[in-house]
C-alpha atoms as a PDB file:
ATOM      1  CA  MET A   1     120.845-107.325  98.813  1.00  0.00           C
ATOM      2  CA  THR A   2     120.340-103.654  98.047  1.00  0.00           C
ATOM      3  CA  LYS A   3     117.619-101.566  96.504  1.00  0.00           C
ATOM      4  CA  PRO A   4     119.706 -98.799  94.938  1.00  0.00           C
ATOM      5  CA  TYR A   5     116.723 -96.566  94.243  1.00  0.00           C
ATOM      6  CA  PRO A   6     113.835 -96.051  96.690  1.00  0.00           C
ATOM      7  CA  ASP A   7     110.396 -96.631  95.181  1.00  0.00           C
ATOM      8  CA  ASN A   8     111.937 -98.649  92.322  1.00  0.00           C
ATOM      9  CA  PRO A   9     111.637-102.425  91.896  1.00  0.00           C
ATOM     10  CA  LEU A  10     115.361-102.871  91.068  1.00  0.00           C
ATOM     11  CA  ARG A  11     117.142-105.218  93.472  1.00  0.00           C
ATOM     12  CA  GLU A  12     120.878-106.004  93.391  1.00  0.00           C
ATOM     13  CA  ALA A  13     123.398-108.260  95.091  1.00  0.00           C
ATOM     14  CA  SER A  14     127.179-108.071  94.652  1.00  0.00           C
ATOM     15  CA  ILE A  15     130.201-110.178  95.472  1.00  0.00           C
ATOM     16  CA  VAL A  16     133.920-109.515  95.074  1.00  0.00           C
ATOM     17  CA  GLY A  17     136.262-111.694  93.065  1.00  0.00           C
ATOM     18  CA  LYS A  18     139.359-111.601  90.874  1.00  0.00           C
ATOM     19  CA  VAL A  19     139.845-110.894  87.182  1.00  0.00           C
ATOM     20  CA  HIS A  20     142.831-112.144  85.177  1.00  0.00           C
ATOM     21  CA  VAL A  21     144.291-111.107  81.833  1.00  0.00           C
ATOM     22  CA  GLY A  22     147.530-112.888  81.009  1.00  0.00           C
ATOM     23  CA  ASP A  23     149.760-112.692  84.089  1.00  0.00           C
ATOM     24  CA  SER A  24     147.893-109.703  85.582  1.00  0.00           C
ATOM     25  CA  THR A  25     145.266-110.038  88.309  1.00  0.00           C
ATOM     26  CA  GLU A  26     142.995-107.344  89.730  1.00  0.00           C
ATOM     27  CA  GLN A  27     139.909-107.179  91.949  1.00  0.00           C
ATOM     28  CA  SER A  28     136.471-107.354  90.333  1.00  0.00           C
ATOM     29  CA  ALA A  29     132.858-107.196  91.497  1.00  0.00           C
ATOM     30  CA  LEU A  30     129.933-109.229  90.155  1.00  0.00           C
ATOM     31  CA  THR A  31     126.453-107.705  90.455  1.00  0.00           C
ATOM     32  CA  ILE A  32     123.200-109.532  89.826  1.00  0.00           C
ATOM     33  CA  GLY A  33     120.217-107.281  89.204  1.00  0.00           C
ATOM     34  CA  CYS A  34     116.496-107.990  88.977  1.00  0.00           C
ATOM     35  CA  ARG A  35     113.840-105.514  87.989  1.00  0.00           C
ATOM     36  CA  ALA A  36     110.336-106.953  88.099  1.00  0.00           C
ATOM     37  CA  ASP A  37     107.240-104.844  87.637  1.00  0.00           C
ATOM     38  CA  ASP A  38     103.822-104.994  85.945  1.00  0.00           C
ATOM     39  CA  ASP A  39     105.477-105.052  82.492  1.00  0.00           C
ATOM     40  CA  GLY A  40     107.561-108.171  83.273  1.00  0.00           C
ATOM     41  CA  ALA A  41     111.059-108.793  84.543  1.00  0.00           C
ATOM     42  CA  VAL A  42     114.637-108.173  83.448  1.00  0.00           C
ATOM     43  CA  MET A  43     117.534-109.929  85.137  1.00  0.00           C
ATOM     44  CA  THR A  44     121.154-108.999  84.449  1.00  0.00           C
ATOM     45  CA  ALA A  45     124.632-110.024  85.522  1.00  0.00           C
ATOM     46  CA  SER A  46     127.513-107.582  85.254  1.00  0.00           C
ATOM     47  CA  PHE A  47     131.110-107.469  86.378  1.00  0.00           C
ATOM     48  CA  VAL A  48     133.632-104.636  86.497  1.00  0.00           C
ATOM     49  CA  VAL A  49     137.202-104.792  85.249  1.00  0.00           C
ATOM     50  CA  PRO A  50     139.890-102.151  85.874  1.00  0.00           C
ATOM     51  CA  ASP A  51     140.996-100.412  82.662  1.00  0.00           C
ATOM     52  CA  THR A  52     144.599-101.017  83.728  1.00  0.00           C
ATOM     53  CA  LEU A  53     144.397-104.598  82.430  1.00  0.00           C
ATOM     54  CA  ASP A  54     145.676-105.146  78.888  1.00  0.00           C
ATOM     55  CA  PHE A  55     142.466-106.109  77.102  1.00  0.00           C
ATOM     56  CA  GLN A  56     140.622-104.731  74.067  1.00  0.00           C
ATOM     57  CA  PHE A  57     137.592-103.397  75.922  1.00  0.00           C
ATOM     58  CA  GLY A  58     136.548-101.185  73.000  1.00  0.00           C
ATOM     59  CA  MET A  59     135.516-104.257  71.026  1.00  0.00           C
ATOM     60  CA  PHE A  60     132.683-104.810  73.519  1.00  0.00           C
ATOM     61  CA  GLU A  61     131.578-101.240  74.112  1.00  0.00           C
ATOM     62  CA  GLY A  62     128.022-100.137  73.488  1.00  0.00           C
ATOM     63  CA  PRO A  63     125.661-100.983  70.672  1.00  0.00           C
ATOM     64  CA  GLY A  64     127.405-102.650  67.782  1.00  0.00           C
ATOM     65  CA  GLY A  65     130.165-104.245  69.864  1.00  0.00           C
ATOM     66  CA  ASP A  66     131.478-107.666  68.851  1.00  0.00           C
ATOM     67  CA  GLY A  67     129.832-109.314  71.852  1.00  0.00           C
ATOM     68  CA  GLU A  68     126.363-108.363  70.652  1.00  0.00           C
ATOM     69  CA  ASP A  69     126.776-110.389  67.453  1.00  0.00           C
ATOM     70  CA  GLU A  70     128.769-113.344  68.801  1.00  0.00           C
ATOM     71  CA  GLU A  71     128.471-115.283  72.057  1.00  0.00           C
ATOM     72  CA  LEU A  72     131.882-114.279  73.417  1.00  0.00           C
ATOM     73  CA  LEU A  73     131.139-114.816  77.119  1.00  0.00           C
ATOM     74  CA  SER A  74     131.444-118.283  78.664  1.00  0.00           C
ATOM     75  CA  VAL A  75     129.987-118.765  82.151  1.00  0.00           C
ATOM     76  CA  ILE A  76     131.245-121.826  83.988  1.00  0.00           C
ATOM     77  CA  LEU A  77     130.071-123.228  87.296  1.00  0.00           C
ATOM     78  CA  GLN A  78     132.293-125.772  88.974  1.00  0.00           C
ATOM     79  CA  ASP A  79     131.802-129.208  87.337  1.00  0.00           C
ATOM     80  CA  THR A  80     129.245-127.986  84.776  1.00  0.00           C
ATOM     81  CA  ASP A  81     129.417-127.326  81.050  1.00  0.00           C
ATOM     82  CA  PRO A  82     130.010-123.711  79.985  1.00  0.00           C
ATOM     83  CA  VAL A  83     127.021-121.597  79.004  1.00  0.00           C
ATOM     84  CA  THR A  84     127.692-118.932  76.363  1.00  0.00           C
ATOM     85  CA  HIS A  85     126.115-115.492  76.050  1.00  0.00           C
ATOM     86  CA  ASN A  86     126.225-112.291  74.095  1.00  0.00           C
ATOM     87  CA  VAL A  87     127.922-109.611  76.175  1.00  0.00           C
ATOM     88  CA  SER A  88     128.488-105.868  75.880  1.00  0.00           C
ATOM     89  CA  GLY A  89     129.647-103.135  78.185  1.00  0.00           C
ATOM     90  CA  TRP A  90     130.619 -99.565  78.955  1.00  0.00           C
ATOM     91  CA  HIS A  91     133.436 -97.501  80.437  1.00  0.00           C
ATOM     92  CA  SER A  92     132.905 -95.770  83.795  1.00  0.00           C
ATOM     93  CA  ASP A  93     134.965 -92.716  84.729  1.00  0.00           C
ATOM     94  CA  ASP A  94     137.821 -93.978  82.505  1.00  0.00           C
ATOM     95  CA  VAL A  95     138.957 -96.315  85.292  1.00  0.00           C
ATOM     96  CA  GLU A  96     136.878 -99.439  84.758  1.00  0.00           C
ATOM     97  CA  PHE A  97     134.889-101.330  82.157  1.00  0.00           C
ATOM     98  CA  THR A  98     131.633-103.103  82.985  1.00  0.00           C
ATOM     99  CA  PHE A  99     130.631-106.244  81.081  1.00  0.00           C
ATOM    100  CA  SER A 100     126.901-107.021  81.226  1.00  0.00           C
ATOM    101  CA  TYR A 101     124.460-109.588  79.864  1.00  0.00           C
ATOM    102  CA  LEU A 102     120.866-110.723  80.268  1.00  0.00           C
ATOM    103  CA  LEU A 103     120.776-113.453  82.922  1.00  0.00           C
ATOM    104  CA  PRO A 104     118.299-116.236  82.066  1.00  0.00           C
ATOM    105  CA  GLN A 105     116.022-117.536  84.841  1.00  0.00           C
ATOM    106  CA  ASP A 106     117.415-121.083  84.665  1.00  0.00           C
ATOM    107  CA  GLU A 107     120.988-119.840  84.996  1.00  0.00           C
ATOM    108  CA  ALA A 108     120.160-117.647  88.003  1.00  0.00           C
ATOM    109  CA  SER A 109     118.473-120.648  89.631  1.00  0.00           C
ATOM    110  CA  ARG A 110     121.539-122.775  88.926  1.00  0.00           C
ATOM    111  CA  TRP A 111     123.782-120.203  90.648  1.00  0.00           C
ATOM    112  CA  ARG A 112     121.538-120.393  93.710  1.00  0.00           C
ATOM    113  CA  GLU A 113     121.673-124.208  93.685  1.00  0.00           C
ATOM    114  CA  HIS A 114     125.501-124.162  93.437  1.00  0.00           C
ATOM    115  CA  ALA A 115     126.042-121.886  96.439  1.00  0.00           C
ATOM    116  CA  GLY A 116     129.599-122.040  97.754  1.00  0.00           C
ATOM    117  CA  GLU A 117     131.091-123.012  94.378  1.00  0.00           C
ATOM    118  CA  GLU A 118     133.334-121.063  92.028  1.00  0.00           C
ATOM    119  CA  LEU A 119     131.758-119.173  89.123  1.00  0.00           C
ATOM    120  CA  THR A 120     134.054-118.290  86.215  1.00  0.00           C
ATOM    121  CA  MET A 121     133.295-115.833  83.433  1.00  0.00           C
ATOM    122  CA  ALA A 122     135.603-115.895  80.411  1.00  0.00           C
ATOM    123  CA  VAL A 123     135.460-113.180  77.757  1.00  0.00           C
ATOM    124  CA  HIS A 124     136.881-114.253  74.405  1.00  0.00           C
ATOM    125  CA  LEU A 125     137.958-111.966  71.626  1.00  0.00           C
ATOM    126  CA  ALA A 126     136.152-112.141  68.312  1.00  0.00           C
ATOM    127  CA  SER A 127     138.027-114.253  65.816  1.00  0.00           C
ATOM    128  CA  ALA A 128     140.210-112.044  63.648  1.00  0.00           C
ATOM    129  CA  ASP A 129     143.670-112.648  62.234  1.00  0.00           C
ATOM    130  CA  ASP A 130     145.113-109.355  63.439  1.00  0.00           C
ATOM    131  CA  LEU A 131     144.161-109.773  67.123  1.00  0.00           C
ATOM    132  CA  PRO A 132     145.895-111.897  69.743  1.00  0.00           C
ATOM    133  CA  PRO A 133     143.876-114.824  71.127  1.00  0.00           C
ATOM    134  CA  ALA A 134     143.914-113.270  74.621  1.00  0.00           C
ATOM    135  CA  ARG A 135     140.974-113.642  76.917  1.00  0.00           C
ATOM    136  CA  LEU A 136     139.824-112.196  80.180  1.00  0.00           C
ATOM    137  CA  ARG A 137     138.802-114.489  83.045  1.00  0.00           C
ATOM    138  CA  ALA A 138     136.857-113.397  86.139  1.00  0.00           C
ATOM    139  CA  GLU A 139     136.415-115.742  89.110  1.00  0.00           C
ATOM    140  CA  PHE A 140     133.911-115.389  91.923  1.00  0.00           C
ATOM    141  CA  ASP A 141     133.154-117.660  94.871  1.00  0.00           C
ATOM    142  CA  LEU A 142     129.388-117.828  95.220  1.00  0.00           C
ATOM    143  CA  PRO A 143     128.417-117.353  98.887  1.00  0.00           C
ATOM    144  CA  VAL A 144     127.642-120.523 100.827  1.00  0.00           C
ATOM    145  CA  ASP A 145     124.491-118.820 102.104  1.00  0.00           C
ATOM    146  CA  ALA A 146     122.366-118.180  99.011  1.00  0.00           C
ATOM    147  CA  ARG A 147     119.674-116.140 100.787  1.00  0.00           C
ATOM    148  CA  GLY A 148     120.941-112.793  99.426  1.00  0.00           C
ATOM    149  CA  LEU A 149     120.898-114.090  95.864  1.00  0.00           C
ATOM    150  CA  SER A 150     117.501-115.706  96.422  1.00  0.00           C
ATOM    151  CA  ASP A 151     116.056-112.444  97.733  1.00  0.00           C
ATOM    152  CA  VAL A 152     117.280-110.600  94.629  1.00  0.00           C
ATOM    153  CA  ILE A 153     116.186-113.080  91.962  1.00  0.00           C
ATOM    154  CA  ALA A 154     112.886-114.262  93.499  1.00  0.00           C
ATOM    155  CA  PRO A 155     110.717-111.522  91.905  1.00  0.00           C
ATOM    156  CA  CYS A 156     112.265-112.212  88.483  1.00  0.00           C
ATOM    157  CA  LEU A 157     111.829-115.962  88.793  1.00  0.00           C
ATOM    158  CA  ALA A 158     108.143-115.452  89.581  1.00  0.00           C
ATOM    159  CA  ALA A 159     107.545-113.038  86.679  1.00  0.00           C
ATOM    160  CA  THR A 160     107.537-113.269  82.921  1.00  0.00           C
ATOM    161  CA  VAL A 161     111.011-112.331  81.697  1.00  0.00           C
ATOM    162  CA  ILE A 162     111.181-109.780  78.922  1.00  0.00           C
ATOM    163  CA  ASN A 163     114.225-109.249  76.717  1.00  0.00           C
ATOM    164  CA  ARG A 164     115.017-105.568  76.435  1.00  0.00           C
END
C-alpha cells in the first residue's frame, strides 16, 4: 500500500500482470485506489497497457469515449460470472494507455475474499461494422495475502461512496 501524496487521503495498491491483444503479450500493472474524506469516498481500479499493442485505444480516451456510453469492460474472477462496467482512459507520455473505472464496494470486497485467484479484465470494442472484433485481455493474480488490498479499501468500505 502507498500513499502517493502526503497529507492526502488517497491510498493505492498495485500488482503486476500480463495484457494480451491477439498473439501479443506485454506487462501490465493494476492499481486500486481509495480516496475517503469528509465528502465521501471514491474507489477506482485502473490498469496500464503499452501503446505498442495493436488496439484502438482512442475509442476509450477521455470524455465522450465509447466506454462511457457502453459497458465495454468485463471483470472476471475465477469461477464467477463476469461483471461489466463503463470504462475510459488516457494516454501517458505516448508510451502507455491507462484504462480506469469506478470500483464498487461489493466488487472490491469480492476481490479481497478471492485472494490468490486470477482476475481477468477484458476490454471489448464497441459494436460497429467497420471495426474488427478484437479485444484486449489483462490478467492479474490477486495476492494470497489480502492485507495490502484490505488496508487500501477499508476507508472506502466504511464510507459513503460518491460517484464523481
